[in-house]
Amino acid sequence: MSQTADLRPEVLRFEPFVWPSELPDDCPFEQSEQFNGIKFLGIKSGYHYGDTWYPTWAENDTLYSPWTDGRTKRLDGYTDLSQSWVDQVHITTGQGVIIGDDPLTIKAYSIGLDKSSPAYPYHGRYPCGSLIYNGVWYYGTYCLDPAGYTKYGNDTINWPWMGPFVGFRTSEDYGHYWKPCPHTPEKPIFGETGINGYPVKIGAPHFVDFGKNMEYSPDGKAYLVAHGADTSDTKWRFWNDSWITGDQVYLLRVTPSPENINDRSKYEFYGGKDENL
C-alpha cells in the first residue's frame, strides 16, 4: 500500500529576545542609523534532512537541489539515505525538491539517488554547483581526500584535502533521469589533481544566483565561484585548500547548455582564457 510522507517541520519555540547592535571600539564601520538590533520572535522550524542543499530556481517556479550525507523523506512515505564517502565506489548523491514561500512551512523531499558517480581514487565525492536553466539541470560534484579526520600538529581537520571538480551530470526532466558526467575523478574537466593534498584551484564551485531561470544574468552566462590555491608564488611553502577553506577565490563563467557545460574550452576565467589551469 502506498504511503504519503508527513513533510511538516517540527516547530520549535524559545523565549523571544532582542540582540542589540553593539559597536566595538576597534570596529572600522559606523553604527547603523536605521537598525539598532535584531529581534528573535521565539519560533523556528526544525527541518531534519540530509546535508549540502544548494537550491536552484527553475522556470517552473520550483526549487531543486542536491543533497547528501543523511536521510530525506520521499513523497511516498519512504526515506532515502545518501552517503558521499562510503567506500570510493558505492557513492550516492541525492536530488530533492523544495516547495513553499514561508520558511516555517516549506516542504522539502527527495526525488531519488544517483549511484553513477564513484569517488576513486579519492574517498569522497560531494555535490557542489547546481543550476537549472531552460529545463536542464546541471549537477556538479567534486572530490575529497582522505576520509574522516586527520591530525596536523595540534589541529584535527575533517577532509583536509580538496580534490578536483569532476564535472556535471545533466537531467532534462527535473532530476528523474540523469545523463552521467562524461568526466571522472582521475580525468576531471579542468585536469586538476588533489592527490596527496596537491592544491586545486577550481574547488567546490557554486553558481552565482541570478534568480528564477537565471533571469538577472547580465549576459546570459552562468557564473561560478570556486576556492582553492596554487603554488606559483615560490614564497609560499604551504597552502590552505580544503572543502571549507582556500587561499584564493576563482571566478569562471560559461554559456549553459548540454553541449557546453562539460567542455573546458567553453569556459572563461577571470583574466581571460587560462590554458595553464
C-alpha atoms as a PDB file:
ATOM      1  CA  MET A   1       0.000   0.000   0.000  1.00  0.00           C
ATOM      2  CA  SER A   2       1.372   3.411  -0.945  1.00  0.00           C
ATOM      3  CA  GLN A   3       2.038   5.945   1.756  1.00  0.00           C
ATOM      4  CA  THR A   4       2.103   9.715   1.956  1.00  0.00           C
ATOM      5  CA  ALA A   5       5.023  11.335   3.752  1.00  0.00           C
ATOM      6  CA  ASP A   6       4.461  13.796   6.567  1.00  0.00           C
ATOM      7  CA  LEU A   7       6.759  16.600   5.423  1.00  0.00           C
ATOM      8  CA  ARG A   8       5.722  19.102   8.064  1.00  0.00           C
ATOM      9  CA  PRO A   9       8.682  20.506  10.027  1.00  0.00           C
ATOM     10  CA  GLU A  10       8.807  20.377  13.792  1.00  0.00           C
ATOM     11  CA  VAL A  11       8.068  23.863  15.121  1.00  0.00           C
ATOM     12  CA  LEU A  12      10.459  24.833  17.906  1.00  0.00           C
ATOM     13  CA  ARG A  13       9.784  27.647  20.371  1.00  0.00           C
ATOM     14  CA  PHE A  14      12.031  29.643  22.680  1.00  0.00           C
ATOM     15  CA  GLU A  15      11.862  32.817  24.750  1.00  0.00           C
ATOM     16  CA  PRO A  16      11.850  35.878  22.421  1.00  0.00           C
ATOM     17  CA  PHE A  17      14.766  38.285  22.836  1.00  0.00           C
ATOM     18  CA  VAL A  18      16.468  41.286  21.243  1.00  0.00           C
ATOM     19  CA  TRP A  19      20.114  41.119  20.213  1.00  0.00           C
ATOM     20  CA  PRO A  20      21.327  44.742  20.338  1.00  0.00           C
ATOM     21  CA  SER A  21      23.803  46.099  17.842  1.00  0.00           C
ATOM     22  CA  GLU A  22      26.944  46.984  19.764  1.00  0.00           C
ATOM     23  CA  LEU A  23      29.868  48.743  18.122  1.00  0.00           C
ATOM     24  CA  PRO A  24      33.297  47.550  19.356  1.00  0.00           C
ATOM     25  CA  ASP A  25      35.928  50.232  19.874  1.00  0.00           C
ATOM     26  CA  ASP A  26      38.109  48.836  17.083  1.00  0.00           C
ATOM     27  CA  CYS A  27      35.288  48.419  14.534  1.00  0.00           C
ATOM     28  CA  PRO A  28      36.151  50.291  11.284  1.00  0.00           C
ATOM     29  CA  PHE A  29      32.471  50.813  10.364  1.00  0.00           C
ATOM     30  CA  GLU A  30      29.976  53.365  11.613  1.00  0.00           C
ATOM     31  CA  GLN A  31      26.944  52.452  13.690  1.00  0.00           C
ATOM     32  CA  SER A  32      23.841  51.986  11.552  1.00  0.00           C
ATOM     33  CA  GLU A  33      21.392  54.893  11.723  1.00  0.00           C
ATOM     34  CA  GLN A  34      18.490  52.651  10.690  1.00  0.00           C
ATOM     35  CA  PHE A  35      18.920  49.479  12.746  1.00  0.00           C
ATOM     36  CA  ASN A  36      19.889  49.068  16.377  1.00  0.00           C
ATOM     37  CA  GLY A  37      19.364  45.346  16.853  1.00  0.00           C
ATOM     38  CA  ILE A  38      17.712  42.115  15.770  1.00  0.00           C
ATOM     39  CA  LYS A  39      14.582  40.723  17.413  1.00  0.00           C
ATOM     40  CA  PHE A  40      14.144  36.948  17.588  1.00  0.00           C
ATOM     41  CA  LEU A  41      10.451  36.118  17.802  1.00  0.00           C
ATOM     42  CA  GLY A  42      10.782  32.822  19.655  1.00  0.00           C
ATOM     43  CA  ILE A  43       9.840  30.429  16.883  1.00  0.00           C
ATOM     44  CA  LYS A  44      11.820  28.407  14.362  1.00  0.00           C
ATOM     45  CA  SER A  45      11.228  25.438  12.111  1.00  0.00           C
ATOM     46  CA  GLY A  46      13.084  22.221  12.842  1.00  0.00           C
ATOM     47  CA  TYR A  47      13.891  20.664   9.481  1.00  0.00           C
ATOM     48  CA  HIS A  48      15.786  17.385   9.670  1.00  0.00           C
ATOM     49  CA  TYR A  49      17.086  16.399   6.250  1.00  0.00           C
ATOM     50  CA  GLY A  50      20.335  15.370   4.615  1.00  0.00           C
ATOM     51  CA  ASP A  51      23.240  17.773   4.138  1.00  0.00           C
ATOM     52  CA  THR A  52      24.540  20.037   1.327  1.00  0.00           C
ATOM     53  CA  TRP A  53      21.351  21.587  -0.084  1.00  0.00           C
ATOM     54  CA  TYR A  54      22.140  24.164  -2.811  1.00  0.00           C
ATOM     55  CA  PRO A  55      18.791  25.258  -4.312  1.00  0.00           C
ATOM     56  CA  THR A  56      18.373  26.445  -7.877  1.00  0.00           C
ATOM     57  CA  TRP A  57      15.199  28.247  -9.012  1.00  0.00           C
ATOM     58  CA  ALA A  58      13.733  26.658 -12.131  1.00  0.00           C
ATOM     59  CA  GLU A  59      11.475  28.267 -14.727  1.00  0.00           C
ATOM     60  CA  ASN A  60       8.523  26.213 -13.376  1.00  0.00           C
ATOM     61  CA  ASP A  61       8.791  28.248 -10.133  1.00  0.00           C
ATOM     62  CA  THR A  62      10.131  25.296  -8.108  1.00  0.00           C
ATOM     63  CA  LEU A  63      13.422  24.986  -6.232  1.00  0.00           C
ATOM     64  CA  TYR A  64      15.555  21.910  -6.945  1.00  0.00           C
ATOM     65  CA  SER A  65      18.655  20.946  -5.024  1.00  0.00           C
ATOM     66  CA  PRO A  66      21.373  18.360  -4.478  1.00  0.00           C
ATOM     67  CA  TRP A  67      21.677  16.768  -1.046  1.00  0.00           C
ATOM     68  CA  THR A  68      23.752  14.029   0.603  1.00  0.00           C
ATOM     69  CA  ASP A  69      25.105  12.609   3.863  1.00  0.00           C
ATOM     70  CA  GLY A  70      21.855  11.905   5.616  1.00  0.00           C
ATOM     71  CA  ARG A  71      18.238  10.867   5.231  1.00  0.00           C
ATOM     72  CA  THR A  72      15.475  12.701   3.424  1.00  0.00           C
ATOM     73  CA  LYS A  73      11.839  11.653   3.102  1.00  0.00           C
ATOM     74  CA  ARG A  74      10.173  10.933  -0.200  1.00  0.00           C
ATOM     75  CA  LEU A  75       6.578  11.716  -1.109  1.00  0.00           C
ATOM     76  CA  ASP A  76       5.665   8.018  -0.973  1.00  0.00           C
ATOM     77  CA  GLY A  77       6.470   7.896   2.748  1.00  0.00           C
ATOM     78  CA  TYR A  78       9.790   6.117   2.435  1.00  0.00           C
ATOM     79  CA  THR A  79      13.179   7.670   3.228  1.00  0.00           C
ATOM     80  CA  ASP A  80      16.281   7.877   1.026  1.00  0.00           C
ATOM     81  CA  LEU A  81      19.774   7.515   2.531  1.00  0.00           C
ATOM     82  CA  SER A  82      22.618   9.252   0.737  1.00  0.00           C
ATOM     83  CA  GLN A  83      26.323   8.953   1.588  1.00  0.00           C
ATOM     84  CA  SER A  84      29.204  10.538  -0.331  1.00  0.00           C
ATOM     85  CA  TRP A  85      32.025   8.728   1.452  1.00  0.00           C
ATOM     86  CA  VAL A  86      31.106   5.019   1.681  1.00  0.00           C
ATOM     87  CA  ASP A  87      33.997   3.129   0.021  1.00  0.00           C
ATOM     88  CA  GLN A  88      35.194   5.154  -3.029  1.00  0.00           C
ATOM     89  CA  VAL A  89      32.869   3.201  -5.347  1.00  0.00           C
ATOM     90  CA  HIS A  90      29.417   2.968  -3.773  1.00  0.00           C
ATOM     91  CA  ILE A  91      28.805   6.704  -3.540  1.00  0.00           C
ATOM     92  CA  THR A  92      25.284   8.104  -3.588  1.00  0.00           C
ATOM     93  CA  THR A  93      24.261  11.727  -4.042  1.00  0.00           C
ATOM     94  CA  GLY A  94      20.635  12.747  -3.817  1.00  0.00           C
ATOM     95  CA  GLN A  95      18.379  15.199  -5.568  1.00  0.00           C
ATOM     96  CA  GLY A  96      15.452  16.958  -3.929  1.00  0.00           C
ATOM     97  CA  VAL A  97      12.652  19.484  -4.270  1.00  0.00           C
ATOM     98  CA  ILE A  98      11.799  22.485  -2.085  1.00  0.00           C
ATOM     99  CA  ILE A  99       8.289  23.967  -2.297  1.00  0.00           C
ATOM    100  CA  GLY A 100       6.738  26.925  -0.495  1.00  0.00           C
ATOM    101  CA  ASP A 101       7.255  30.608   0.322  1.00  0.00           C
ATOM    102  CA  ASP A 102       7.060  30.556   4.134  1.00  0.00           C
ATOM    103  CA  PRO A 103      10.293  29.313   5.794  1.00  0.00           C
ATOM    104  CA  LEU A 104       8.236  27.876   8.642  1.00  0.00           C
ATOM    105  CA  THR A 105       6.080  25.733   6.383  1.00  0.00           C
ATOM    106  CA  ILE A 106       8.127  24.947   3.265  1.00  0.00           C
ATOM    107  CA  LYS A 107       8.315  21.311   2.233  1.00  0.00           C
ATOM    108  CA  ALA A 108      11.447  19.518   1.076  1.00  0.00           C
ATOM    109  CA  TYR A 109      11.641  15.965  -0.133  1.00  0.00           C
ATOM    110  CA  SER A 110      13.884  13.558  -2.020  1.00  0.00           C
ATOM    111  CA  ILE A 111      13.186  12.590  -5.620  1.00  0.00           C
ATOM    112  CA  GLY A 112      15.907   9.950  -5.814  1.00  0.00           C
ATOM    113  CA  LEU A 113      19.543   8.933  -5.514  1.00  0.00           C
ATOM    114  CA  ASP A 114      22.309   8.802  -8.104  1.00  0.00           C
ATOM    115  CA  LYS A 115      24.840   5.975  -7.924  1.00  0.00           C
ATOM    116  CA  SER A 116      26.823   6.698 -11.097  1.00  0.00           C
ATOM    117  CA  SER A 117      29.479   8.951  -9.553  1.00  0.00           C
ATOM    118  CA  PRO A 118      32.262   6.913  -7.836  1.00  0.00           C
ATOM    119  CA  ALA A 119      34.997   8.790  -5.983  1.00  0.00           C
ATOM    120  CA  TYR A 120      38.008   6.577  -6.736  1.00  0.00           C
ATOM    121  CA  PRO A 121      40.945   7.307  -6.380  1.00  0.00           C
ATOM    122  CA  TYR A 122      39.583   9.763  -3.782  1.00  0.00           C
ATOM    123  CA  HIS A 123      37.469   8.763  -0.799  1.00  0.00           C
ATOM    124  CA  GLY A 124      34.592  11.223  -1.091  1.00  0.00           C
ATOM    125  CA  ARG A 125      32.584  12.821  -3.884  1.00  0.00           C
ATOM    126  CA  TYR A 126      30.182  15.567  -2.929  1.00  0.00           C
ATOM    127  CA  PRO A 127      27.615  17.854  -4.602  1.00  0.00           C
ATOM    128  CA  CYS A 128      28.549  21.446  -5.366  1.00  0.00           C
ATOM    129  CA  GLY A 129      27.408  23.792  -8.137  1.00  0.00           C
ATOM    130  CA  SER A 130      23.799  23.140  -9.157  1.00  0.00           C
ATOM    131  CA  LEU A 131      21.826  25.042 -11.812  1.00  0.00           C
ATOM    132  CA  ILE A 132      18.575  24.560 -13.693  1.00  0.00           C
ATOM    133  CA  TYR A 133      18.349  26.654 -16.830  1.00  0.00           C
ATOM    134  CA  ASN A 134      15.733  26.298 -19.585  1.00  0.00           C
ATOM    135  CA  GLY A 135      14.606  22.970 -18.176  1.00  0.00           C
ATOM    136  CA  VAL A 136      18.073  21.375 -17.928  1.00  0.00           C
ATOM    137  CA  TRP A 137      19.533  20.552 -14.519  1.00  0.00           C
ATOM    138  CA  TYR A 138      23.338  20.754 -14.254  1.00  0.00           C
ATOM    139  CA  TYR A 139      24.504  18.907 -11.127  1.00  0.00           C
ATOM    140  CA  GLY A 140      28.194  19.284 -10.237  1.00  0.00           C
ATOM    141  CA  THR A 141      30.342  17.113  -7.972  1.00  0.00           C
ATOM    142  CA  TYR A 142      33.856  17.369  -6.556  1.00  0.00           C
ATOM    143  CA  CYS A 143      36.195  15.014  -4.688  1.00  0.00           C
ATOM    144  CA  LEU A 144      37.741  14.997  -1.219  1.00  0.00           C
ATOM    145  CA  ASP A 145      40.535  13.065   0.489  1.00  0.00           C
ATOM    146  CA  PRO A 146      41.460  11.403   2.835  1.00  0.00           C
ATOM    147  CA  ALA A 147      38.317  10.196   4.570  1.00  0.00           C
ATOM    148  CA  GLY A 148      37.406  11.418   8.049  1.00  0.00           C
ATOM    149  CA  TYR A 149      39.591  13.364  10.432  1.00  0.00           C
ATOM    150  CA  THR A 150      43.363  13.836  10.075  1.00  0.00           C
ATOM    151  CA  LYS A 151      45.788  15.163  12.691  1.00  0.00           C
ATOM    152  CA  TYR A 152      48.014  18.100  11.692  1.00  0.00           C
ATOM    153  CA  GLY A 153      50.172  19.199  14.610  1.00  0.00           C
ATOM    154  CA  ASN A 154      47.754  20.415  17.261  1.00  0.00           C
ATOM    155  CA  ASP A 155      44.849  20.583  14.824  1.00  0.00           C
ATOM    156  CA  THR A 156      42.421  17.900  13.712  1.00  0.00           C
ATOM    157  CA  ILE A 157      40.898  18.577  10.287  1.00  0.00           C
ATOM    158  CA  ASN A 158      37.901  16.926   8.642  1.00  0.00           C
ATOM    159  CA  TRP A 159      38.516  16.038   4.950  1.00  0.00           C
ATOM    160  CA  PRO A 160      41.748  18.088   4.798  1.00  0.00           C
ATOM    161  CA  TRP A 161      42.467  17.809   1.043  1.00  0.00           C
ATOM    162  CA  MET A 162      40.378  19.454  -1.628  1.00  0.00           C
ATOM    163  CA  GLY A 163      40.034  17.225  -4.665  1.00  0.00           C
ATOM    164  CA  PRO A 164      39.184  18.302  -8.204  1.00  0.00           C
ATOM    165  CA  PHE A 165      35.851  19.437  -9.569  1.00  0.00           C
ATOM    166  CA  VAL A 166      34.840  16.485 -11.747  1.00  0.00           C
ATOM    167  CA  GLY A 167      32.097  17.976 -13.945  1.00  0.00           C
ATOM    168  CA  PHE A 168      28.322  17.880 -14.335  1.00  0.00           C
ATOM    169  CA  ARG A 169      25.709  15.222 -14.763  1.00  0.00           C
ATOM    170  CA  THR A 170      22.589  16.517 -16.504  1.00  0.00           C
ATOM    171  CA  SER A 171      18.846  15.945 -16.414  1.00  0.00           C
ATOM    172  CA  GLU A 172      16.156  17.212 -18.786  1.00  0.00           C
ATOM    173  CA  ASP A 173      13.194  16.016 -16.690  1.00  0.00           C
ATOM    174  CA  TYR A 174      13.901  17.772 -13.379  1.00  0.00           C
ATOM    175  CA  GLY A 175      16.037  15.064 -11.818  1.00  0.00           C
ATOM    176  CA  HIS A 176      14.209  11.823 -12.588  1.00  0.00           C
ATOM    177  CA  TYR A 177      16.595  10.608 -15.299  1.00  0.00           C
ATOM    178  CA  TRP A 178      20.259  11.582 -15.470  1.00  0.00           C
ATOM    179  CA  LYS A 179      22.896  11.577 -18.178  1.00  0.00           C
ATOM    180  CA  PRO A 180      26.143  10.645 -16.372  1.00  0.00           C
ATOM    181  CA  CYS A 181      29.032  13.084 -16.211  1.00  0.00           C
ATOM    182  CA  PRO A 182      31.494  12.350 -19.068  1.00  0.00           C
ATOM    183  CA  HIS A 183      34.461  13.133 -16.799  1.00  0.00           C
ATOM    184  CA  THR A 184      35.914  11.081 -13.942  1.00  0.00           C
ATOM    185  CA  PRO A 185      37.840  11.903 -10.750  1.00  0.00           C
ATOM    186  CA  GLU A 186      41.016  10.688 -12.488  1.00  0.00           C
ATOM    187  CA  LYS A 187      40.290  12.840 -15.556  1.00  0.00           C
ATOM    188  CA  PRO A 188      38.209  15.820 -14.371  1.00  0.00           C
ATOM    189  CA  ILE A 189      37.032  18.637 -16.599  1.00  0.00           C
ATOM    190  CA  PHE A 190      39.801  21.075 -15.634  1.00  0.00           C
ATOM    191  CA  GLY A 191      42.596  18.488 -15.431  1.00  0.00           C
ATOM    192  CA  GLU A 192      43.485  19.137 -11.787  1.00  0.00           C
ATOM    193  CA  THR A 193      44.514  16.655  -9.110  1.00  0.00           C
ATOM    194  CA  GLY A 194      44.263  16.753  -5.333  1.00  0.00           C
ATOM    195  CA  ILE A 195      46.146  13.506  -4.702  1.00  0.00           C
ATOM    196  CA  ASN A 196      48.375  13.760  -1.626  1.00  0.00           C
ATOM    197  CA  GLY A 197      46.999  17.195  -0.909  1.00  0.00           C
ATOM    198  CA  TYR A 198      48.288  18.876  -4.087  1.00  0.00           C
ATOM    199  CA  PRO A 199      46.305  22.113  -4.410  1.00  0.00           C
ATOM    200  CA  VAL A 200      43.498  22.593  -6.900  1.00  0.00           C
ATOM    201  CA  LYS A 201      42.158  25.961  -7.996  1.00  0.00           C
ATOM    202  CA  ILE A 202      38.604  25.140  -9.048  1.00  0.00           C
ATOM    203  CA  GLY A 203      37.459  23.547  -5.805  1.00  0.00           C
ATOM    204  CA  ALA A 204      33.772  23.057  -4.907  1.00  0.00           C
ATOM    205  CA  PRO A 205      32.444  25.677  -7.370  1.00  0.00           C
ATOM    206  CA  HIS A 206      28.979  27.164  -6.824  1.00  0.00           C
ATOM    207  CA  PHE A 207      26.761  29.109  -9.213  1.00  0.00           C
ATOM    208  CA  VAL A 208      26.045  32.776  -8.656  1.00  0.00           C
ATOM    209  CA  ASP A 209      22.308  33.112  -8.001  1.00  0.00           C
ATOM    210  CA  PHE A 210      20.761  35.114 -10.845  1.00  0.00           C
ATOM    211  CA  GLY A 211      17.186  34.389  -9.803  1.00  0.00           C
ATOM    212  CA  LYS A 212      14.498  32.337 -11.469  1.00  0.00           C
ATOM    213  CA  ASN A 213      15.858  30.640 -14.602  1.00  0.00           C
ATOM    214  CA  MET A 214      18.894  32.991 -14.470  1.00  0.00           C
ATOM    215  CA  GLU A 215      16.664  35.974 -15.357  1.00  0.00           C
ATOM    216  CA  TYR A 216      19.136  38.506 -13.916  1.00  0.00           C
ATOM    217  CA  SER A 217      22.278  37.234 -15.614  1.00  0.00           C
ATOM    218  CA  PRO A 218      23.916  40.316 -17.172  1.00  0.00           C
ATOM    219  CA  ASP A 219      24.982  38.466 -20.320  1.00  0.00           C
ATOM    220  CA  GLY A 220      23.161  35.136 -20.447  1.00  0.00           C
ATOM    221  CA  LYS A 221      26.139  33.352 -18.949  1.00  0.00           C
ATOM    222  CA  ALA A 222      26.265  31.294 -15.771  1.00  0.00           C
ATOM    223  CA  TYR A 223      28.940  32.428 -13.299  1.00  0.00           C
ATOM    224  CA  LEU A 224      30.649  30.156 -10.789  1.00  0.00           C
ATOM    225  CA  VAL A 225      32.744  30.977  -7.731  1.00  0.00           C
ATOM    226  CA  ALA A 226      35.325  28.447  -6.552  1.00  0.00           C
ATOM    227  CA  HIS A 227      38.015  28.389  -3.887  1.00  0.00           C
ATOM    228  CA  GLY A 228      41.464  26.806  -3.901  1.00  0.00           C
ATOM    229  CA  ALA A 229      45.182  27.540  -4.039  1.00  0.00           C
ATOM    230  CA  ASP A 230      48.229  27.327  -6.296  1.00  0.00           C
ATOM    231  CA  THR A 231      51.998  27.045  -5.930  1.00  0.00           C
ATOM    232  CA  SER A 232      53.083  29.653  -8.492  1.00  0.00           C
ATOM    233  CA  ASP A 233      54.306  32.000  -5.754  1.00  0.00           C
ATOM    234  CA  THR A 234      57.500  30.360  -4.526  1.00  0.00           C
ATOM    235  CA  LYS A 235      57.442  32.437  -1.319  1.00  0.00           C
ATOM    236  CA  TRP A 236      54.631  30.193  -0.059  1.00  0.00           C
ATOM    237  CA  ARG A 237      55.727  26.755   1.103  1.00  0.00           C
ATOM    238  CA  PHE A 238      52.341  25.729   2.438  1.00  0.00           C
ATOM    239  CA  TRP A 239      48.816  26.325   1.245  1.00  0.00           C
ATOM    240  CA  ASN A 240      45.326  26.045   2.625  1.00  0.00           C
ATOM    241  CA  ASP A 241      43.000  24.087   0.358  1.00  0.00           C
ATOM    242  CA  SER A 242      40.216  22.006   1.907  1.00  0.00           C
ATOM    243  CA  TRP A 243      36.476  21.567   1.468  1.00  0.00           C
ATOM    244  CA  ILE A 244      35.816  24.624   3.642  1.00  0.00           C
ATOM    245  CA  THR A 245      38.961  26.730   3.247  1.00  0.00           C
ATOM    246  CA  GLY A 246      41.165  28.080   0.480  1.00  0.00           C
ATOM    247  CA  ASP A 247      43.879  30.666  -0.100  1.00  0.00           C
ATOM    248  CA  GLN A 248      42.298  32.105  -3.231  1.00  0.00           C
ATOM    249  CA  VAL A 249      38.944  32.684  -4.922  1.00  0.00           C
ATOM    250  CA  TYR A 250      38.373  31.925  -8.597  1.00  0.00           C
ATOM    251  CA  LEU A 251      35.620  33.221 -10.890  1.00  0.00           C
ATOM    252  CA  LEU A 252      34.603  31.487 -14.103  1.00  0.00           C
ATOM    253  CA  ARG A 253      31.660  31.603 -16.487  1.00  0.00           C
ATOM    254  CA  VAL A 254      30.069  29.600 -19.284  1.00  0.00           C
ATOM    255  CA  THR A 255      27.019  29.832 -21.517  1.00  0.00           C
ATOM    256  CA  PRO A 256      24.980  26.948 -20.078  1.00  0.00           C
ATOM    257  CA  SER A 257      23.915  24.221 -22.492  1.00  0.00           C
ATOM    258  CA  PRO A 258      24.273  20.427 -22.516  1.00  0.00           C
ATOM    259  CA  GLU A 259      26.982  20.843 -25.175  1.00  0.00           C
ATOM    260  CA  ASN A 260      28.984  23.493 -23.306  1.00  0.00           C
ATOM    261  CA  ILE A 261      28.742  22.569 -19.651  1.00  0.00           C
ATOM    262  CA  ASN A 262      31.327  19.749 -19.708  1.00  0.00           C
ATOM    263  CA  ASP A 263      33.575  21.293 -22.372  1.00  0.00           C
ATOM    264  CA  ARG A 264      36.559  23.008 -20.779  1.00  0.00           C
ATOM    265  CA  SER A 265      37.183  25.107 -23.903  1.00  0.00           C
ATOM    266  CA  LYS A 266      33.810  26.850 -23.453  1.00  0.00           C
ATOM    267  CA  TYR A 267      34.743  28.337 -20.068  1.00  0.00           C
ATOM    268  CA  GLU A 268      36.120  31.797 -19.455  1.00  0.00           C
ATOM    269  CA  PHE A 269      38.140  32.670 -16.367  1.00  0.00           C
ATOM    270  CA  TYR A 270      38.717  35.929 -14.566  1.00  0.00           C
ATOM    271  CA  GLY A 271      41.583  37.461 -16.525  1.00  0.00           C
ATOM    272  CA  GLY A 272      40.732  35.584 -19.721  1.00  0.00           C
ATOM    273  CA  LYS A 273      41.282  32.080 -21.055  1.00  0.00           C
ATOM    274  CA  ASP A 274      43.577  30.182 -18.691  1.00  0.00           C
ATOM    275  CA  GLU A 275      45.269  27.391 -20.596  1.00  0.00           C
ATOM    276  CA  ASN A 276      47.536  26.685 -17.622  1.00  0.00           C
ATOM    277  CA  LEU A 277      44.775  25.982 -15.136  1.00  0.00           C
END
